[in-house]
Amino acid sequence: MRAKRAKASRSHQPRRSGQKGPIRPSARIPVINPHAGGIDVGSVEHWVCVPEDAVTEGESNVRPFGGFTADLDKLVEWLLACGVKTVAVESTGVYWIPLVQKLERAGIEVVLVNARHLKNVPGRKTDVKDCQWLQQLHSYGLLNGSFRPAEDICCLRSLMRHRENLIESCGQQVQHMQKALQQMNVHLHHAVSDLVGATGCGY
């Protein structure tokens, strides 16, 4: 009986301040990046959000842009016209690569946000578009960008990855050749150490 009364008394006690729900963005949080933007990257179009005071009255601060090169140029021009200096971009597949290259060449700082990190940030998206949520969190300085090397390092890394893929593909083709010869009962690999060498190719 005493246990039931104690349980009932605890249920009627008011919640403590530390037991509230997740922290929601409010005016009390200081704005660290007043010229921040947010971009939700997609395969067909990109949704962009800029600060509300960066656009004229009656104009929306959220716009969609296509994924073609001309559309990316218009996206960058709009960000520059709105005075955006830093942008949070969610890394989605490989669709963010040409967009980020355009932004960096225009002198806009890019914070490449990992999608997993964005899900762990306190808050709820509800009906707010992803680009608005990115812009809001980035303006409060709550997003950490992933490491991205310099442009010349990225070019060299792409070249080395392409070379590695070509070497791996060549090795697979040699194995297919050797298997086809074995099926035809031609044991050339017993007499020649390298099928694609000078002797194997008949040079």
N, C-alpha and C. Protein backbone atom coordinates (compact mmCIF):
# COMPACT_ATOMS: atom_id res chain seq x y z
N MET A 1 0.84 -1.20 0.00
CA MET A 1 0.00 0.00 0.00
C MET A 1 0.87 1.25 0.00
N ARG A 2 1.92 1.20 0.86
CA ARG A 2 2.83 2.35 0.91
C ARG A 2 3.55 2.52 -0.42
N ALA A 3 3.89 1.39 -1.06
CA ALA A 3 4.59 1.46 -2.35
C ALA A 3 3.71 2.11 -3.40
N LYS A 4 2.40 1.80 -3.41
CA LYS A 4 1.49 2.41 -4.37
C LYS A 4 1.37 3.91 -4.13
N ARG A 5 1.29 4.32 -2.83
CA ARG A 5 1.19 5.75 -2.53
C ARG A 5 2.45 6.49 -2.95
N ALA A 6 3.61 5.86 -2.71
CA ALA A 6 4.87 6.50 -3.10
C ALA A 6 4.96 6.64 -4.60
N LYS A 7 4.49 5.62 -5.33
CA LYS A 7 4.51 5.68 -6.78
C LYS A 7 3.58 6.75 -7.30
N ALA A 8 2.39 6.87 -6.66
CA ALA A 8 1.43 7.89 -7.09
C ALA A 8 1.96 9.28 -6.81
N SER A 9 2.65 9.45 -5.65
CA SER A 9 3.19 10.77 -5.34
C SER A 9 4.29 11.17 -6.30
N ARG A 10 5.11 10.19 -6.73
CA ARG A 10 6.16 10.49 -7.69
C ARG A 10 5.59 10.86 -9.04
N SER A 11 4.47 10.25 -9.44
CA SER A 11 3.89 10.54 -10.74
C SER A 11 3.31 11.94 -10.81
N HIS A 12 2.93 12.53 -9.64
CA HIS A 12 2.37 13.87 -9.63
C HIS A 12 3.43 14.94 -9.41
N GLN A 13 4.68 14.53 -9.20
CA GLN A 13 5.72 15.53 -9.02
C GLN A 13 6.05 16.20 -10.33
N PRO A 14 6.33 17.50 -10.35
CA PRO A 14 6.66 18.19 -11.60
C PRO A 14 7.99 17.73 -12.14
N ARG A 15 8.16 17.82 -13.47
CA ARG A 15 9.40 17.43 -14.11
C ARG A 15 10.50 18.41 -13.76
N ARG A 16 11.70 17.88 -13.61
CA ARG A 16 12.84 18.74 -13.41
C ARG A 16 13.28 19.34 -14.75
N SER A 17 14.07 20.40 -14.64
CA SER A 17 14.49 21.08 -15.86
C SER A 17 15.38 20.20 -16.71
N GLY A 18 16.12 19.26 -16.12
CA GLY A 18 17.01 18.40 -16.88
C GLY A 18 16.31 17.24 -17.53
N GLN A 19 15.01 17.05 -17.32
CA GLN A 19 14.27 15.94 -17.88
C GLN A 19 13.39 16.35 -19.04
N LYS A 20 13.64 17.49 -19.61
CA LYS A 20 12.82 17.93 -20.74
C LYS A 20 13.23 17.18 -21.99
N GLY A 21 12.48 17.39 -23.08
CA GLY A 21 12.76 16.73 -24.35
C GLY A 21 13.99 17.30 -25.01
N PRO A 22 14.26 16.92 -26.26
CA PRO A 22 15.45 17.38 -26.97
C PRO A 22 15.47 18.89 -27.13
N ILE A 23 16.68 19.45 -27.14
CA ILE A 23 16.84 20.90 -27.27
C ILE A 23 16.42 21.34 -28.65
N ARG A 24 15.61 22.36 -28.73
CA ARG A 24 15.15 22.89 -30.00
C ARG A 24 15.80 24.25 -30.26
N PRO A 25 16.13 24.55 -31.53
CA PRO A 25 16.72 25.86 -31.83
C PRO A 25 15.79 26.99 -31.41
N SER A 26 16.34 27.97 -30.77
CA SER A 26 15.55 29.10 -30.32
C SER A 26 16.37 30.36 -30.45
N ALA A 27 15.73 31.47 -30.15
CA ALA A 27 16.41 32.76 -30.26
C ALA A 27 17.48 32.93 -29.20
N ARG A 28 17.45 32.11 -28.13
CA ARG A 28 18.44 32.24 -27.06
C ARG A 28 19.78 31.65 -27.44
N ILE A 29 19.83 30.81 -28.50
CA ILE A 29 21.10 30.24 -28.94
C ILE A 29 21.83 31.29 -29.77
N PRO A 30 23.08 31.60 -29.46
CA PRO A 30 23.80 32.62 -30.21
C PRO A 30 24.09 32.18 -31.63
N VAL A 31 23.97 33.10 -32.55
CA VAL A 31 24.25 32.83 -33.96
C VAL A 31 25.74 33.07 -34.19
N ILE A 32 26.44 32.02 -34.58
CA ILE A 32 27.88 32.09 -34.82
C ILE A 32 28.19 32.43 -36.26
N ASN A 33 27.41 31.88 -37.18
CA ASN A 33 27.60 32.12 -38.61
C ASN A 33 26.39 32.85 -39.16
N PRO A 34 26.36 34.17 -39.13
CA PRO A 34 25.19 34.89 -39.61
C PRO A 34 25.00 34.82 -41.12
N HIS A 35 26.06 34.52 -41.85
CA HIS A 35 25.99 34.43 -43.32
C HIS A 35 26.06 32.98 -43.78
N ALA A 36 25.37 32.09 -43.06
CA ALA A 36 25.43 30.66 -43.35
C ALA A 36 24.26 30.25 -44.23
N GLY A 37 24.52 29.25 -45.05
CA GLY A 37 23.48 28.66 -45.89
C GLY A 37 23.46 27.17 -45.72
N GLY A 38 22.42 26.53 -46.23
CA GLY A 38 22.29 25.08 -46.15
C GLY A 38 21.81 24.53 -47.47
N ILE A 39 22.40 23.42 -47.90
CA ILE A 39 22.05 22.81 -49.17
C ILE A 39 21.76 21.33 -48.96
N ASP A 40 20.57 20.91 -49.37
CA ASP A 40 20.21 19.49 -49.36
C ASP A 40 20.46 18.95 -50.76
N VAL A 41 21.45 18.09 -50.89
CA VAL A 41 21.89 17.59 -52.19
C VAL A 41 21.02 16.43 -52.62
N GLY A 42 20.64 16.44 -53.90
CA GLY A 42 19.86 15.36 -54.48
C GLY A 42 20.39 14.98 -55.84
N SER A 43 19.88 13.90 -56.39
CA SER A 43 20.34 13.44 -57.70
C SER A 43 19.78 14.29 -58.84
N VAL A 44 18.60 14.86 -58.65
CA VAL A 44 17.96 15.65 -59.70
C VAL A 44 18.03 17.14 -59.42
N GLU A 45 17.80 17.53 -58.17
CA GLU A 45 17.82 18.94 -57.81
C GLU A 45 18.37 19.12 -56.41
N HIS A 46 18.83 20.34 -56.15
CA HIS A 46 19.38 20.72 -54.86
C HIS A 46 18.50 21.81 -54.25
N TRP A 47 18.14 21.64 -52.98
CA TRP A 47 17.37 22.65 -52.26
C TRP A 47 18.32 23.50 -51.43
N VAL A 48 18.21 24.81 -51.59
CA VAL A 48 19.14 25.74 -50.96
C VAL A 48 18.35 26.69 -50.05
N CYS A 49 18.91 26.93 -48.87
CA CYS A 49 18.30 27.85 -47.91
C CYS A 49 19.34 28.86 -47.47
N VAL A 50 18.95 30.13 -47.48
CA VAL A 50 19.81 31.24 -47.04
C VAL A 50 19.13 31.92 -45.86
N PRO A 51 19.83 32.77 -45.11
CA PRO A 51 19.17 33.49 -44.01
C PRO A 51 17.99 34.32 -44.50
N GLU A 52 17.00 34.46 -43.65
CA GLU A 52 15.80 35.19 -44.04
C GLU A 52 16.07 36.67 -44.32
N ASP A 53 17.03 37.25 -43.60
CA ASP A 53 17.32 38.66 -43.83
C ASP A 53 18.21 38.89 -45.05
N ALA A 54 18.59 37.81 -45.75
CA ALA A 54 19.43 37.95 -46.94
C ALA A 54 18.61 38.16 -48.20
N VAL A 55 17.30 37.99 -48.13
CA VAL A 55 16.42 38.17 -49.29
C VAL A 55 15.48 39.34 -49.02
N THR A 56 14.92 39.87 -50.07
CA THR A 56 13.99 40.99 -49.95
C THR A 56 12.67 40.52 -49.36
N GLU A 57 11.89 41.44 -48.86
CA GLU A 57 10.61 41.11 -48.24
C GLU A 57 9.66 40.53 -49.27
N GLY A 58 9.02 39.45 -48.90
CA GLY A 58 8.11 38.75 -49.80
C GLY A 58 8.78 37.71 -50.66
N GLU A 59 10.10 37.62 -50.62
CA GLU A 59 10.84 36.63 -51.39
C GLU A 59 11.21 35.45 -50.50
N SER A 60 11.08 34.25 -51.02
CA SER A 60 11.38 33.05 -50.24
C SER A 60 12.89 32.88 -50.11
N ASN A 61 13.31 32.43 -48.94
CA ASN A 61 14.73 32.18 -48.72
C ASN A 61 15.12 30.74 -49.03
N VAL A 62 14.21 29.99 -49.63
CA VAL A 62 14.47 28.60 -50.03
C VAL A 62 14.18 28.47 -51.52
N ARG A 63 15.14 27.94 -52.26
CA ARG A 63 14.98 27.77 -53.70
C ARG A 63 15.52 26.41 -54.14
N PRO A 64 14.87 25.80 -55.14
CA PRO A 64 15.42 24.56 -55.72
C PRO A 64 16.24 24.88 -56.98
N PHE A 65 17.30 24.15 -57.19
CA PHE A 65 18.13 24.29 -58.37
C PHE A 65 18.38 22.90 -58.95
N GLY A 66 18.50 22.86 -60.27
CA GLY A 66 18.77 21.59 -60.94
C GLY A 66 20.20 21.12 -60.72
N GLY A 67 20.50 19.95 -61.26
CA GLY A 67 21.81 19.38 -61.09
C GLY A 67 22.76 19.59 -62.25
N PHE A 68 22.32 20.27 -63.31
CA PHE A 68 23.19 20.51 -64.46
C PHE A 68 24.17 21.65 -64.15
N THR A 69 25.20 21.77 -64.99
CA THR A 69 26.25 22.75 -64.74
C THR A 69 25.70 24.17 -64.73
N ALA A 70 24.81 24.47 -65.68
CA ALA A 70 24.22 25.82 -65.71
C ALA A 70 23.41 26.11 -64.45
N ASP A 71 22.73 25.10 -63.93
CA ASP A 71 21.95 25.27 -62.69
C ASP A 71 22.87 25.49 -61.49
N LEU A 72 24.00 24.80 -61.48
CA LEU A 72 24.95 25.00 -60.38
C LEU A 72 25.54 26.40 -60.41
N ASP A 73 25.77 26.93 -61.61
CA ASP A 73 26.27 28.30 -61.73
C ASP A 73 25.25 29.30 -61.18
N LYS A 74 23.96 29.07 -61.49
CA LYS A 74 22.91 29.95 -60.96
C LYS A 74 22.83 29.83 -59.44
N LEU A 75 23.02 28.63 -58.92
CA LEU A 75 22.99 28.42 -57.47
C LEU A 75 24.09 29.23 -56.79
N VAL A 76 25.29 29.16 -57.34
CA VAL A 76 26.41 29.90 -56.76
C VAL A 76 26.18 31.40 -56.86
N GLU A 77 25.67 31.87 -57.99
CA GLU A 77 25.39 33.29 -58.16
C GLU A 77 24.36 33.79 -57.14
N TRP A 78 23.35 32.96 -56.86
CA TRP A 78 22.34 33.37 -55.89
C TRP A 78 22.91 33.44 -54.48
N LEU A 79 23.77 32.50 -54.14
CA LEU A 79 24.40 32.53 -52.82
C LEU A 79 25.29 33.77 -52.67
N LEU A 80 26.04 34.10 -53.70
CA LEU A 80 26.89 35.28 -53.64
C LEU A 80 26.05 36.56 -53.56
N ALA A 81 24.93 36.58 -54.28
CA ALA A 81 24.06 37.76 -54.23
C ALA A 81 23.42 37.92 -52.85
N CYS A 82 23.20 36.81 -52.15
CA CYS A 82 22.61 36.86 -50.81
C CYS A 82 23.66 37.07 -49.72
N GLY A 83 24.91 37.17 -50.09
CA GLY A 83 25.96 37.42 -49.11
C GLY A 83 26.33 36.21 -48.28
N VAL A 84 26.07 35.02 -48.79
CA VAL A 84 26.41 33.80 -48.05
C VAL A 84 27.91 33.55 -48.18
N LYS A 85 28.56 33.30 -47.05
CA LYS A 85 30.01 33.08 -47.02
C LYS A 85 30.38 31.64 -46.66
N THR A 86 29.48 30.93 -46.02
CA THR A 86 29.75 29.55 -45.64
C THR A 86 28.48 28.73 -45.83
N VAL A 87 28.63 27.49 -46.28
CA VAL A 87 27.48 26.65 -46.61
C VAL A 87 27.69 25.27 -46.02
N ALA A 88 26.64 24.71 -45.45
CA ALA A 88 26.64 23.34 -44.96
C ALA A 88 25.99 22.45 -46.02
N VAL A 89 26.72 21.45 -46.46
CA VAL A 89 26.26 20.54 -47.51
C VAL A 89 26.28 19.13 -46.96
N GLU A 90 25.16 18.44 -47.10
CA GLU A 90 25.09 17.05 -46.65
C GLU A 90 25.66 16.15 -47.73
N SER A 91 26.62 15.32 -47.37
CA SER A 91 27.28 14.45 -48.34
C SER A 91 26.35 13.30 -48.70
N THR A 92 25.86 13.32 -49.94
CA THR A 92 24.94 12.31 -50.42
C THR A 92 25.53 11.67 -51.67
N GLY A 93 25.95 10.41 -51.57
CA GLY A 93 26.51 9.73 -52.72
C GLY A 93 27.71 10.47 -53.29
N VAL A 94 27.69 10.66 -54.61
CA VAL A 94 28.72 11.46 -55.29
C VAL A 94 28.13 12.72 -55.91
N TYR A 95 26.87 12.99 -55.62
CA TYR A 95 26.21 14.15 -56.22
C TYR A 95 26.75 15.47 -55.68
N TRP A 96 27.39 15.45 -54.53
CA TRP A 96 27.88 16.68 -53.91
C TRP A 96 29.20 17.14 -54.52
N ILE A 97 29.92 16.27 -55.22
CA ILE A 97 31.27 16.60 -55.69
C ILE A 97 31.29 17.79 -56.65
N PRO A 98 30.53 17.79 -57.76
CA PRO A 98 30.58 18.97 -58.64
C PRO A 98 30.05 20.23 -57.98
N LEU A 99 29.08 20.09 -57.10
CA LEU A 99 28.55 21.26 -56.40
C LEU A 99 29.59 21.88 -55.48
N VAL A 100 30.27 21.05 -54.72
CA VAL A 100 31.29 21.55 -53.80
C VAL A 100 32.45 22.19 -54.57
N GLN A 101 32.81 21.61 -55.70
CA GLN A 101 33.88 22.20 -56.51
C GLN A 101 33.49 23.60 -57.00
N LYS A 102 32.25 23.78 -57.40
CA LYS A 102 31.77 25.09 -57.84
C LYS A 102 31.79 26.09 -56.68
N LEU A 103 31.37 25.66 -55.52
CA LEU A 103 31.31 26.56 -54.36
C LEU A 103 32.71 26.98 -53.93
N GLU A 104 33.63 26.02 -53.89
CA GLU A 104 34.99 26.34 -53.47
C GLU A 104 35.68 27.29 -54.44
N ARG A 105 35.45 27.11 -55.73
CA ARG A 105 36.06 28.01 -56.71
C ARG A 105 35.48 29.42 -56.63
N ALA A 106 34.26 29.53 -56.12
CA ALA A 106 33.64 30.85 -55.95
C ALA A 106 34.06 31.51 -54.65
N GLY A 107 34.87 30.84 -53.84
CA GLY A 107 35.34 31.42 -52.59
C GLY A 107 34.40 31.23 -51.42
N ILE A 108 33.43 30.33 -51.54
CA ILE A 108 32.48 30.07 -50.46
C ILE A 108 32.99 28.89 -49.64
N GLU A 109 33.05 29.06 -48.33
CA GLU A 109 33.48 27.99 -47.44
C GLU A 109 32.43 26.89 -47.42
N VAL A 110 32.87 25.65 -47.55
CA VAL A 110 31.96 24.50 -47.59
C VAL A 110 32.22 23.62 -46.38
N VAL A 111 31.17 23.32 -45.64
CA VAL A 111 31.23 22.38 -44.52
C VAL A 111 30.50 21.12 -44.95
N LEU A 112 31.27 20.09 -45.28
CA LEU A 112 30.70 18.84 -45.76
C LEU A 112 30.27 18.00 -44.57
N VAL A 113 28.97 17.88 -44.39
CA VAL A 113 28.41 17.23 -43.20
C VAL A 113 28.11 15.78 -43.50
N ASN A 114 28.55 14.92 -42.61
CA ASN A 114 28.24 13.50 -42.72
C ASN A 114 26.77 13.28 -42.34
N ALA A 115 26.08 12.48 -43.14
CA ALA A 115 24.65 12.24 -42.89
C ALA A 115 24.42 11.58 -41.53
N ARG A 116 25.34 10.70 -41.11
CA ARG A 116 25.19 10.04 -39.81
C ARG A 116 25.33 11.05 -38.68
N HIS A 117 26.27 11.98 -38.82
CA HIS A 117 26.44 13.00 -37.79
C HIS A 117 25.21 13.89 -37.69
N LEU A 118 24.60 14.18 -38.83
CA LEU A 118 23.42 15.05 -38.82
C LEU A 118 22.25 14.40 -38.10
N LYS A 119 22.13 13.08 -38.20
CA LYS A 119 21.04 12.39 -37.53
C LYS A 119 21.22 12.39 -36.02
N ASN A 120 22.48 12.47 -35.57
CA ASN A 120 22.75 12.43 -34.13
C ASN A 120 22.62 13.79 -33.46
N VAL A 121 22.43 14.85 -34.24
CA VAL A 121 22.28 16.18 -33.66
C VAL A 121 20.91 16.28 -32.99
N PRO A 122 20.82 16.80 -31.75
CA PRO A 122 19.52 16.90 -31.08
C PRO A 122 18.55 17.77 -31.88
N GLY A 123 17.31 17.35 -31.91
CA GLY A 123 16.29 18.13 -32.61
C GLY A 123 15.45 17.23 -33.49
N ARG A 124 14.38 17.78 -34.02
CA ARG A 124 13.50 17.03 -34.90
C ARG A 124 13.27 17.85 -36.15
N LYS A 125 13.24 17.17 -37.30
CA LYS A 125 13.04 17.87 -38.56
C LYS A 125 11.57 18.21 -38.78
N THR A 126 10.66 17.34 -38.40
CA THR A 126 9.21 17.50 -38.63
C THR A 126 8.97 17.89 -40.08
N ASP A 127 8.27 19.00 -40.33
CA ASP A 127 7.93 19.41 -41.69
C ASP A 127 8.96 20.37 -42.29
N VAL A 128 9.98 20.72 -41.53
CA VAL A 128 10.98 21.65 -42.03
C VAL A 128 11.86 20.94 -43.05
N LYS A 129 12.10 21.60 -44.16
CA LYS A 129 12.95 21.00 -45.20
C LYS A 129 14.37 20.80 -44.68
N ASP A 130 15.04 19.83 -45.27
CA ASP A 130 16.40 19.51 -44.84
C ASP A 130 17.34 20.70 -45.00
N CYS A 131 17.17 21.45 -46.06
CA CYS A 131 18.07 22.59 -46.27
C CYS A 131 17.87 23.65 -45.20
N GLN A 132 16.64 23.87 -44.76
CA GLN A 132 16.39 24.83 -43.69
C GLN A 132 17.00 24.34 -42.37
N TRP A 133 16.91 23.04 -42.12
CA TRP A 133 17.48 22.48 -40.91
C TRP A 133 19.00 22.59 -40.94
N LEU A 134 19.61 22.34 -42.11
CA LEU A 134 21.05 22.48 -42.25
C LEU A 134 21.48 23.92 -42.02
N GLN A 135 20.74 24.84 -42.63
CA GLN A 135 21.10 26.26 -42.49
C GLN A 135 20.99 26.71 -41.04
N GLN A 136 19.97 26.26 -40.35
CA GLN A 136 19.76 26.68 -38.96
C GLN A 136 20.85 26.12 -38.05
N LEU A 137 21.16 24.85 -38.21
CA LEU A 137 22.19 24.24 -37.37
C LEU A 137 23.57 24.84 -37.67
N HIS A 138 23.82 25.12 -38.94
CA HIS A 138 25.11 25.69 -39.31
C HIS A 138 25.27 27.12 -38.80
N SER A 139 24.19 27.87 -38.78
CA SER A 139 24.26 29.23 -38.25
C SER A 139 24.56 29.23 -36.76
N TYR A 140 24.15 28.19 -36.04
CA TYR A 140 24.43 28.06 -34.62
C TYR A 140 25.78 27.39 -34.36
N GLY A 141 26.47 26.94 -35.41
CA GLY A 141 27.76 26.30 -35.25
C GLY A 141 27.69 24.90 -34.67
N LEU A 142 26.62 24.18 -34.96
CA LEU A 142 26.42 22.85 -34.40
C LEU A 142 26.85 21.73 -35.33
N LEU A 143 27.40 22.05 -36.50
CA LEU A 143 27.78 21.04 -37.47
C LEU A 143 29.29 20.99 -37.63
N ASN A 144 29.82 19.78 -37.70
CA ASN A 144 31.25 19.57 -37.94
C ASN A 144 31.44 19.04 -39.35
N GLY A 145 32.37 19.62 -40.08
CA GLY A 145 32.62 19.21 -41.45
C GLY A 145 33.59 18.05 -41.53
N SER A 146 33.42 17.21 -42.53
CA SER A 146 34.34 16.11 -42.77
C SER A 146 35.61 16.64 -43.44
N PHE A 147 36.69 15.88 -43.29
CA PHE A 147 37.96 16.30 -43.89
C PHE A 147 37.89 16.20 -45.40
N ARG A 148 38.33 17.26 -46.06
CA ARG A 148 38.41 17.28 -47.52
C ARG A 148 39.73 17.92 -47.91
N PRO A 149 40.61 17.18 -48.62
CA PRO A 149 41.92 17.73 -48.98
C PRO A 149 41.81 18.82 -50.03
N ALA A 150 42.95 19.41 -50.35
CA ALA A 150 42.99 20.47 -51.35
C ALA A 150 42.63 19.91 -52.73
N GLU A 151 42.34 20.83 -53.67
CA GLU A 151 41.85 20.41 -54.98
C GLU A 151 42.90 19.60 -55.73
N ASP A 152 44.19 20.01 -55.66
CA ASP A 152 45.21 19.26 -56.38
C ASP A 152 45.40 17.86 -55.79
N ILE A 153 45.23 17.73 -54.47
CA ILE A 153 45.31 16.41 -53.84
C ILE A 153 44.12 15.54 -54.27
N CYS A 154 42.96 16.15 -54.40
CA CYS A 154 41.78 15.40 -54.85
C CYS A 154 41.98 14.88 -56.28
N CYS A 155 42.58 15.70 -57.14
CA CYS A 155 42.84 15.27 -58.52
C CYS A 155 43.82 14.10 -58.54
N LEU A 156 44.89 14.21 -57.75
CA LEU A 156 45.87 13.13 -57.69
C LEU A 156 45.26 11.86 -57.12
N ARG A 157 44.41 12.00 -56.11
CA ARG A 157 43.77 10.83 -55.52
C ARG A 157 42.84 10.15 -56.51
N SER A 158 42.11 10.93 -57.30
CA SER A 158 41.22 10.36 -58.31
C SER A 158 42.03 9.61 -59.37
N LEU A 159 43.18 10.17 -59.75
CA LEU A 159 44.03 9.51 -60.74
C LEU A 159 44.57 8.19 -60.21
N MET A 160 45.02 8.18 -58.97
CA MET A 160 45.56 6.95 -58.38
C MET A 160 44.47 5.90 -58.21
N ARG A 161 43.27 6.32 -57.85
CA ARG A 161 42.17 5.36 -57.72
C ARG A 161 41.80 4.77 -59.07
N HIS A 162 41.80 5.60 -60.11
CA HIS A 162 41.49 5.11 -61.45
C HIS A 162 42.56 4.13 -61.92
N ARG A 163 43.82 4.43 -61.63
CA ARG A 163 44.91 3.52 -62.00
C ARG A 163 44.77 2.19 -61.27
N GLU A 164 44.42 2.23 -59.99
CA GLU A 164 44.24 1.00 -59.22
C GLU A 164 43.09 0.16 -59.78
N ASN A 165 42.01 0.82 -60.18
CA ASN A 165 40.87 0.10 -60.77
C ASN A 165 41.24 -0.55 -62.10
N LEU A 166 42.05 0.15 -62.91
CA LEU A 166 42.47 -0.42 -64.18
C LEU A 166 43.35 -1.65 -63.98
N ILE A 167 44.28 -1.57 -63.01
CA ILE A 167 45.15 -2.71 -62.74
C ILE A 167 44.34 -3.90 -62.24
N GLU A 168 43.37 -3.64 -61.37
CA GLU A 168 42.52 -4.72 -60.86
C GLU A 168 41.69 -5.33 -61.98
N SER A 169 41.18 -4.50 -62.88
CA SER A 169 40.39 -5.01 -63.99
C SER A 169 41.24 -5.84 -64.95
N CYS A 170 42.48 -5.41 -65.19
CA CYS A 170 43.38 -6.19 -66.05
C CYS A 170 43.66 -7.56 -65.45
N GLY A 171 43.87 -7.61 -64.15
CA GLY A 171 44.10 -8.89 -63.49
C GLY A 171 42.93 -9.84 -63.63
N GLN A 172 41.72 -9.30 -63.54
CA GLN A 172 40.53 -10.14 -63.71
C GLN A 172 40.42 -10.68 -65.13
N GLN A 173 40.78 -9.86 -66.12
CA GLN A 173 40.71 -10.31 -67.51
C GLN A 173 41.72 -11.41 -67.80
N VAL A 174 42.90 -11.32 -67.18
CA VAL A 174 43.90 -12.37 -67.35
C VAL A 174 43.39 -13.68 -66.77
N GLN A 175 42.72 -13.61 -65.64
CA GLN A 175 42.15 -14.82 -65.04
C GLN A 175 41.08 -15.42 -65.94
N HIS A 176 40.28 -14.57 -66.60
CA HIS A 176 39.26 -15.08 -67.54
C HIS A 176 39.93 -15.77 -68.73
N MET A 177 41.03 -15.19 -69.22
CA MET A 177 41.76 -15.81 -70.33
C MET A 177 42.30 -17.17 -69.93
N GLN A 178 42.88 -17.24 -68.74
CA GLN A 178 43.45 -18.51 -68.27
C GLN A 178 42.37 -19.56 -68.09
N LYS A 179 41.22 -19.18 -67.61
CA LYS A 179 40.12 -20.12 -67.43
C LYS A 179 39.61 -20.61 -68.78
N ALA A 180 39.52 -19.71 -69.76
CA ALA A 180 39.06 -20.11 -71.10
C ALA A 180 40.04 -21.08 -71.75
N LEU A 181 41.34 -20.87 -71.56
CA LEU A 181 42.34 -21.79 -72.11
C LEU A 181 42.25 -23.16 -71.46
N GLN A 182 42.02 -23.20 -70.17
CA GLN A 182 41.88 -24.48 -69.48
C GLN A 182 40.65 -25.24 -69.96
N GLN A 183 39.57 -24.53 -70.21
CA GLN A 183 38.36 -25.19 -70.70
C GLN A 183 38.58 -25.77 -72.10
N MET A 184 39.46 -25.15 -72.89
CA MET A 184 39.79 -25.68 -74.22
C MET A 184 40.95 -26.67 -74.17
N ASN A 185 41.40 -27.01 -72.95
CA ASN A 185 42.49 -27.94 -72.73
C ASN A 185 43.80 -27.44 -73.35
N VAL A 186 43.98 -26.15 -73.34
CA VAL A 186 45.22 -25.54 -73.79
C VAL A 186 45.96 -25.06 -72.55
N HIS A 187 46.99 -25.78 -72.15
CA HIS A 187 47.71 -25.49 -70.92
C HIS A 187 48.90 -24.59 -71.21
N LEU A 188 48.59 -23.43 -71.73
CA LEU A 188 49.65 -22.50 -72.07
C LEU A 188 50.35 -21.95 -70.84
N HIS A 189 49.61 -21.85 -69.75
CA HIS A 189 50.18 -21.29 -68.54
C HIS A 189 51.23 -22.21 -67.91
N HIS A 190 51.28 -23.51 -68.35
CA HIS A 190 52.31 -24.40 -67.86
C HIS A 190 53.64 -24.16 -68.56
N ALA A 191 53.57 -23.64 -69.75
CA ALA A 191 54.79 -23.38 -70.52
C ALA A 191 55.23 -21.93 -70.45
N VAL A 192 54.28 -21.04 -70.22
CA VAL A 192 54.58 -19.61 -70.17
C VAL A 192 54.21 -19.09 -68.80
N SER A 193 55.13 -18.39 -68.17
CA SER A 193 54.86 -17.88 -66.82
C SER A 193 53.92 -16.69 -66.83
N ASP A 194 53.89 -15.92 -67.91
CA ASP A 194 53.07 -14.71 -67.97
C ASP A 194 52.31 -14.74 -69.29
N LEU A 195 50.98 -14.89 -69.18
CA LEU A 195 50.16 -14.97 -70.40
C LEU A 195 50.17 -13.67 -71.19
N VAL A 196 50.30 -12.56 -70.51
CA VAL A 196 50.25 -11.26 -71.19
C VAL A 196 51.65 -10.68 -71.38
N GLY A 197 52.67 -11.49 -71.20
CA GLY A 197 54.03 -11.04 -71.43
C GLY A 197 54.40 -11.08 -72.89
N ALA A 198 55.69 -10.87 -73.15
CA ALA A 198 56.15 -10.83 -74.55
C ALA A 198 56.00 -12.18 -75.23
N THR A 199 56.29 -13.29 -74.51
CA THR A 199 56.16 -14.61 -75.08
C THR A 199 54.71 -15.01 -75.22
N GLY A 200 53.91 -14.74 -74.21
CA GLY A 200 52.51 -15.12 -74.24
C GLY A 200 51.72 -14.40 -75.31
N CYS A 201 52.03 -13.15 -75.56
CA CYS A 201 51.33 -12.38 -76.57
C CYS A 201 51.94 -12.54 -77.94
N GLY A 202 53.10 -13.25 -78.07
CA GLY A 202 53.70 -13.50 -79.37
C GLY A 202 54.44 -12.31 -79.93
N TYR A 203 54.98 -11.44 -79.07
CA TYR A 203 55.73 -10.28 -79.57
C TYR A 203 57.08 -10.73 -80.11
